[in-house]
Protein backbone atom coordinates (compact mmCIF):
# COMPACT_ATOMS: atom_id res chain seq x y z
CA MET A 1 104.60 97.16 136.15
CA GLU A 2 101.66 94.94 136.77
CA LYS A 3 99.35 97.95 137.62
CA ILE A 4 100.66 99.88 134.20
CA TYR A 5 99.53 96.80 132.13
CA SER A 6 96.30 95.80 133.88
CA GLU A 7 94.95 99.34 133.48
CA GLU A 8 92.27 99.27 130.62
CA LYS A 9 93.48 101.75 128.08
CA ASN A 10 90.94 103.90 125.75
CA THR A 11 90.48 102.08 122.20
CA CYS A 12 90.66 104.01 119.00
CA LYS A 13 87.16 104.57 117.06
CA LEU A 14 87.63 103.74 113.55
CA ALA A 15 86.48 106.16 110.97
CA LYS A 16 83.47 105.12 109.00
CA ALA A 17 83.96 105.39 105.08
CA SER A 18 81.44 105.75 102.79
CA PRO A 19 80.97 102.89 99.82
CA GLU A 20 81.92 105.17 97.35
CA THR A 21 85.50 106.10 98.97
CA ILE A 22 86.08 102.16 99.60
CA GLN A 23 85.56 101.75 95.85
CA PHE A 24 87.52 104.46 94.70
CA LEU A 25 90.46 103.17 96.90
CA LEU A 26 89.99 99.61 95.48
CA ASP A 27 90.10 101.09 91.95
CA TYR A 28 93.30 103.13 92.51
CA SER A 29 95.10 100.04 94.20
CA ARG A 30 94.29 97.83 91.22
CA SER A 31 95.68 100.35 88.67
CA PHE A 32 98.97 100.91 90.69
CA ARG A 33 101.86 98.92 89.46
CA ILE A 34 105.25 98.55 90.76
CA THR A 35 107.55 97.18 87.91
CA LYS A 36 111.45 96.02 89.00
CA TYR A 37 114.05 95.82 86.51
CA LYS A 38 117.59 94.91 88.19
CA LYS A 39 118.30 97.69 90.94
CA PHE A 40 115.17 100.06 89.81
CA LYS A 41 111.57 100.15 90.91
CA PHE A 42 109.20 101.99 88.45
CA GLU A 43 105.95 103.19 89.74
CA THR A 44 103.13 103.34 87.31
CA SER A 45 99.55 104.09 87.35
CA LEU A 46 97.40 102.61 84.75
CA ASN A 47 94.51 105.67 84.41
């Protein structure tokens, strides 16, 4: 067991996103709303 956990694993390389992509995702998440009514959930996009 010790040998399995002591080995260094390959780390994930993160993808680099452009500032435009990040801004698009932030704007989209701000426009997305979830409204709860009793047992229902309504998903709406304000665009």
